[in-house]
Amino acid sequence: MLLTLTRQAGGRSWRLADVCTACAAATGGTAVVPDTLLGAPRPKPTGGTVRRARPGLSPGPDERARVREMLTYLSAALPQFTSPAARLLALQCALRADTLGHVTVSDGLLRSMRLRGRRELWLELAQARWLKTAGPRPGPVTARLLDTTVLDQAPGRGARRRAAHWALHPTPLALSAEAPAVLQLTALVLASHPFNTEELGAVSHLCGHSPQQTAELLDRLVSAHTLVSWRHCQDTGEVLWQFPQQPPRCSPDRDR
């Protein structure tokens, strides 16, 4: 894992995070913090105890950041032509896998994602040599992730499972489960950014789309009332968007 600084909002803010080597290489505007700082001792909690999240607490920025980092990893680990549905499935597998890379996706989870019986998605990820599954059979699907990068995740399994659950119902989205996977993935990418802004190329890369496709999908999200509006700042290359019941960040000159 590497400690990195990532530029956000056109340089108006920076994010410090632990990411894998592949994610650091795939993320634009990212710099690795020198090793001399990596060895600095981290402060310990008072009393030597570690606070754990209490059950029932709503997901916070940690879940959003973890999903965003995993989407960044998948954008580098999977082929560019990987389908949106396969990317959403890979995200759940990566976040729910144990320390050996084994994961069992329940039949109920697949049903809630509208992916039950979609054996072609597992085959797609297997052909990308990202995972390996047993032969087709009804019920839950057991798989083994083949990329060793996934095994080097710093957060505990409980934290990653909370992030996986948030990815199924990312706030503040208003997108139905029946929506096409391509819209669900695009909306999830937007929801994983805390400042409602990112470079268009970065959004497109996380979604596996071209910038032209991304612009069309943003229009569809506005039509579906998942977004109030969005605009592309030509001078900076950034995309800014507004979710329902959120105040606009600025007065757009090109609302959608």
Protein backbone atom coordinates (compact mmCIF):
# COMPACT_ATOMS: atom_id res chain seq x y z
CA MET A 1 0.00 0.00 0.00
CA LEU A 2 1.13 3.56 -0.77
CA LEU A 3 0.29 6.81 0.96
CA THR A 4 -0.86 9.23 -1.75
CA LEU A 5 -2.11 12.76 -2.24
CA THR A 6 -4.81 13.18 -4.90
CA ARG A 7 -5.81 16.53 -6.37
CA GLN A 8 -9.53 17.25 -6.29
CA ALA A 9 -11.80 20.09 -7.40
CA GLY A 10 -9.23 21.47 -9.81
CA GLY A 11 -6.56 21.77 -7.11
CA ARG A 12 -8.78 23.49 -4.56
CA SER A 13 -8.51 20.46 -2.26
CA TRP A 14 -6.33 17.37 -1.80
CA ARG A 15 -7.15 13.91 -0.40
CA LEU A 16 -4.67 11.84 1.62
CA ALA A 17 -5.32 8.07 1.41
CA ASP A 18 -3.70 4.63 1.48
CA VAL A 19 -4.12 3.01 -1.95
CA CYS A 20 -2.57 0.09 -3.81
CA THR A 21 0.13 0.57 -6.44
CA ALA A 22 -2.29 -0.07 -9.33
CA CYS A 23 -4.78 2.49 -8.02
CA ALA A 24 -2.07 5.11 -7.56
CA ALA A 25 -0.87 4.58 -11.13
CA ALA A 26 -4.41 4.79 -12.55
CA THR A 27 -5.55 7.89 -10.68
CA GLY A 28 -4.85 11.23 -12.32
CA GLY A 29 -3.43 14.08 -10.24
CA THR A 30 -1.99 11.66 -7.66
CA ALA A 31 1.43 11.89 -6.01
CA VAL A 32 3.04 9.30 -3.72
CA VAL A 33 4.14 10.59 -0.33
CA PRO A 34 7.91 9.94 0.13
CA ASP A 35 8.96 6.90 2.15
CA THR A 36 10.49 9.10 4.85
CA LEU A 37 6.97 10.08 5.88
CA LEU A 38 5.57 6.56 5.66
CA GLY A 39 7.67 5.49 8.63
CA ALA A 40 6.38 8.20 10.91
CA PRO A 41 4.57 6.72 13.92
CA ARG A 42 0.81 7.03 13.85
CA PRO A 43 -0.95 8.40 16.95
CA LYS A 44 -2.55 5.77 19.14
CA PRO A 45 -6.03 6.16 20.62
CA THR A 46 -6.17 7.33 24.22
CA GLY A 47 -6.14 4.40 26.63
CA GLY A 48 -4.83 1.98 24.03
CA THR A 49 -8.30 1.04 22.80
CA VAL A 50 -9.66 1.22 19.29
CA ARG A 51 -13.14 2.51 18.75
CA ARG A 52 -15.27 0.34 16.51
CA ALA A 53 -18.29 1.48 14.58
CA ARG A 54 -21.48 0.68 16.46
CA PRO A 55 -24.13 -1.33 14.63
CA GLY A 56 -26.85 0.81 13.15
CA LEU A 57 -24.69 3.85 12.45
CA SER A 58 -25.25 5.30 9.01
CA PRO A 59 -22.35 4.98 6.55
CA GLY A 60 -19.98 7.91 6.50
CA PRO A 61 -17.14 9.29 4.38
CA ASP A 62 -14.99 6.20 5.01
CA GLU A 63 -17.42 3.98 3.09
CA ARG A 64 -17.62 6.47 0.25
CA ALA A 65 -13.81 6.75 0.05
CA ARG A 66 -13.37 2.97 0.17
CA VAL A 67 -15.80 2.45 -2.70
CA ARG A 68 -14.11 5.17 -4.73
CA GLU A 69 -10.68 3.62 -4.19
CA MET A 70 -11.98 0.18 -5.16
CA LEU A 71 -13.58 1.59 -8.32
CA THR A 72 -10.21 3.16 -9.13
CA TYR A 73 -8.49 -0.18 -8.62
CA LEU A 74 -11.01 -1.97 -10.84
CA SER A 75 -10.56 0.62 -13.59
CA ALA A 76 -6.91 -0.47 -13.74
CA ALA A 77 -7.35 -4.19 -13.07
CA LEU A 78 -10.21 -4.94 -15.50
CA PRO A 79 -10.19 -4.53 -19.28
CA GLN A 80 -11.63 -1.25 -20.52
CA PHE A 81 -14.45 -3.07 -22.31
CA THR A 82 -15.70 -4.77 -19.12
CA SER A 83 -19.47 -4.31 -18.90
CA PRO A 84 -21.00 -2.06 -16.20
CA ALA A 85 -22.87 -5.01 -14.65
CA ALA A 86 -19.62 -7.00 -14.38
CA ARG A 87 -17.90 -4.00 -12.77
CA LEU A 88 -20.65 -3.72 -10.16
CA LEU A 89 -20.36 -7.44 -9.44
CA ALA A 90 -16.56 -7.22 -9.21
CA LEU A 91 -16.90 -4.33 -6.76
CA GLN A 92 -19.04 -6.43 -4.41
CA CYS A 93 -16.67 -9.40 -4.71
CA ALA A 94 -13.59 -7.31 -3.98
CA LEU A 95 -15.13 -5.62 -0.93
CA ARG A 96 -16.57 -8.85 0.51
CA ALA A 97 -13.61 -11.19 -0.08
CA ASP A 98 -11.68 -12.63 2.86
CA THR A 99 -7.92 -12.42 3.34
CA LEU A 100 -7.41 -15.41 1.03
CA GLY A 101 -9.44 -13.90 -1.79
CA HIS A 102 -12.43 -16.21 -1.29
CA VAL A 103 -15.93 -14.78 -1.51
CA THR A 104 -19.43 -16.20 -1.52
CA VAL A 105 -22.10 -14.00 -3.07
CA SER A 106 -25.50 -14.94 -1.71
CA ASP A 107 -28.48 -15.63 -3.89
CA GLY A 108 -30.35 -12.81 -2.14
CA LEU A 109 -27.62 -10.28 -2.92
CA LEU A 110 -27.59 -11.27 -6.58
CA ARG A 111 -31.38 -11.00 -6.69
CA SER A 112 -31.33 -7.52 -5.14
CA MET A 113 -28.76 -6.41 -7.73
CA ARG A 114 -30.86 -7.91 -10.54
CA LEU A 115 -27.88 -10.15 -11.40
CA ARG A 116 -29.30 -13.50 -10.37
CA GLY A 117 -28.73 -16.08 -13.10
CA ARG A 118 -26.40 -13.75 -15.03
CA ARG A 119 -23.73 -16.40 -15.47
CA GLU A 120 -22.21 -14.48 -18.36
CA LEU A 121 -20.98 -11.82 -15.92
CA TRP A 122 -18.98 -14.37 -13.94
CA LEU A 123 -17.61 -15.72 -17.21
CA GLU A 124 -16.66 -12.19 -18.26
CA LEU A 125 -14.63 -11.67 -15.07
CA ALA A 126 -13.11 -15.14 -15.39
CA GLN A 127 -12.02 -14.47 -18.97
CA ALA A 128 -10.35 -11.31 -17.70
CA ARG A 129 -8.43 -13.63 -15.32
CA TRP A 130 -9.65 -11.62 -12.36
CA LEU A 131 -11.49 -14.45 -10.59
CA LYS A 132 -12.30 -18.14 -10.82
CA THR A 133 -15.65 -19.76 -10.01
CA ALA A 134 -17.01 -23.26 -9.77
CA GLY A 135 -19.29 -24.66 -12.46
CA PRO A 136 -22.79 -23.21 -12.90
CA ARG A 137 -25.25 -24.22 -10.21
CA PRO A 138 -28.26 -22.64 -8.49
CA GLY A 139 -27.94 -20.69 -5.27
CA PRO A 140 -25.01 -18.64 -3.98
CA VAL A 141 -21.88 -18.29 -6.08
CA THR A 142 -18.45 -18.98 -4.61
CA ALA A 143 -15.40 -17.45 -6.28
CA ARG A 144 -11.69 -16.95 -5.71
CA LEU A 145 -10.12 -13.66 -6.69
CA LEU A 146 -6.92 -14.15 -8.68
CA ASP A 147 -5.41 -10.66 -8.39
CA THR A 148 -3.10 -10.59 -5.37
CA THR A 149 -3.58 -6.83 -5.11
CA VAL A 150 -7.04 -7.44 -3.65
CA LEU A 151 -5.51 -9.48 -0.83
CA ASP A 152 -3.47 -6.49 0.33
CA GLN A 153 -6.40 -4.35 1.44
CA ALA A 154 -5.69 -2.41 4.62
CA PRO A 155 -9.26 -2.04 6.01
CA GLY A 156 -10.73 -4.91 7.97
CA ARG A 157 -13.39 -7.12 6.46
CA GLY A 158 -16.14 -5.51 8.53
CA ALA A 159 -15.29 -2.04 7.22
CA ARG A 160 -15.18 -3.33 3.67
CA ARG A 161 -18.56 -5.01 4.06
CA ARG A 162 -20.07 -1.73 5.23
CA ALA A 163 -18.66 -0.11 2.12
CA ALA A 164 -20.13 -2.91 -0.01
CA HIS A 165 -23.55 -2.31 1.56
CA TRP A 166 -23.28 1.44 0.93
CA ALA A 167 -22.47 0.73 -2.72
CA LEU A 168 -25.83 -1.04 -3.02
CA HIS A 169 -27.71 2.00 -1.66
CA PRO A 170 -25.40 4.99 -2.17
CA THR A 171 -26.81 8.15 -0.66
CA PRO A 172 -28.02 10.65 -1.74
CA LEU A 173 -29.09 8.84 -4.92
CA ALA A 174 -32.68 8.32 -5.99
CA LEU A 175 -32.14 5.56 -8.56
CA SER A 176 -34.37 2.49 -8.62
CA ALA A 177 -32.96 -1.03 -8.56
CA GLU A 178 -34.57 -1.65 -11.95
CA ALA A 179 -32.37 0.99 -13.59
CA PRO A 180 -29.86 -0.30 -16.16
CA ALA A 181 -26.46 -1.26 -14.76
CA VAL A 182 -24.78 1.40 -16.87
CA LEU A 183 -26.77 4.11 -15.07
CA GLN A 184 -26.25 2.49 -11.66
CA LEU A 185 -22.47 2.42 -12.14
CA THR A 186 -22.35 6.03 -13.33
CA ALA A 187 -24.47 7.19 -10.41
CA LEU A 188 -22.31 5.22 -7.96
CA VAL A 189 -19.15 6.82 -9.33
CA LEU A 190 -20.68 10.27 -8.83
CA ALA A 191 -21.91 9.44 -5.32
CA SER A 192 -18.44 8.24 -4.28
CA HIS A 193 -17.00 11.75 -4.79
CA PRO A 194 -17.61 13.95 -1.73
CA PHE A 195 -17.35 17.32 -3.50
CA ASN A 196 -19.74 16.69 -6.43
CA THR A 197 -16.96 17.45 -8.90
CA GLU A 198 -14.26 15.57 -10.78
CA GLU A 199 -12.46 15.73 -14.11
CA LEU A 200 -14.58 14.32 -16.92
CA GLY A 201 -11.77 11.98 -17.98
CA ALA A 202 -11.51 10.54 -14.48
CA VAL A 203 -15.27 9.91 -14.28
CA SER A 204 -15.21 8.27 -17.70
CA HIS A 205 -12.26 6.08 -16.71
CA LEU A 206 -13.96 4.81 -13.54
CA CYS A 207 -17.11 4.00 -15.53
CA GLY A 208 -15.26 2.38 -18.43
CA HIS A 209 -16.89 4.81 -20.89
CA SER A 210 -15.74 7.41 -23.34
CA PRO A 211 -16.27 11.06 -22.35
CA GLN A 212 -19.04 11.31 -24.96
CA GLN A 213 -20.86 8.31 -23.44
CA THR A 214 -20.46 9.76 -19.97
CA ALA A 215 -22.06 13.03 -21.04
CA GLU A 216 -25.04 11.13 -22.49
CA LEU A 217 -25.41 9.10 -19.28
CA LEU A 218 -25.34 12.25 -17.16
CA ASP A 219 -28.19 13.57 -19.28
CA ARG A 220 -30.09 10.33 -18.64
CA LEU A 221 -29.51 10.69 -14.89
CA VAL A 222 -31.02 14.17 -15.05
CA SER A 223 -34.01 12.75 -16.94
CA ALA A 224 -34.37 10.07 -14.24
CA HIS A 225 -34.27 12.83 -11.57
CA THR A 226 -31.18 11.25 -9.99
CA LEU A 227 -29.36 14.49 -10.78
CA VAL A 228 -30.82 17.96 -10.71
CA SER A 229 -28.24 19.28 -13.16
CA TRP A 230 -24.67 18.90 -14.32
CA ARG A 231 -22.20 20.97 -16.26
CA HIS A 232 -18.81 20.59 -17.90
CA CYS A 233 -16.27 23.35 -17.22
CA GLN A 234 -14.37 23.58 -20.48
CA ASP A 235 -11.46 25.56 -19.04
CA THR A 236 -10.64 23.02 -16.28
CA GLY A 237 -12.10 19.84 -17.79
CA GLU A 238 -14.12 19.28 -14.62
CA VAL A 239 -17.66 18.01 -14.36
CA LEU A 240 -19.88 19.44 -11.60
CA TRP A 241 -23.20 17.87 -10.63
CA GLN A 242 -26.01 18.44 -8.15
CA PHE A 243 -28.03 15.73 -6.43
CA PRO A 244 -31.64 16.34 -5.38
CA GLN A 245 -32.04 18.20 -2.08
CA GLN A 246 -28.46 19.49 -2.29
CA PRO A 247 -27.61 23.16 -2.82
CA PRO A 248 -25.73 23.92 -6.05
CA ARG A 249 -21.99 24.53 -5.67
CA CYS A 250 -22.01 27.40 -8.13
CA SER A 251 -24.22 29.02 -10.72
CA PRO A 252 -23.77 26.78 -13.75
CA ASP A 253 -23.43 28.27 -17.18
CA ARG A 254 -24.37 25.02 -18.88
CA ASP A 255 -27.03 23.19 -16.92
CA ARG A 256 -28.44 19.88 -18.14
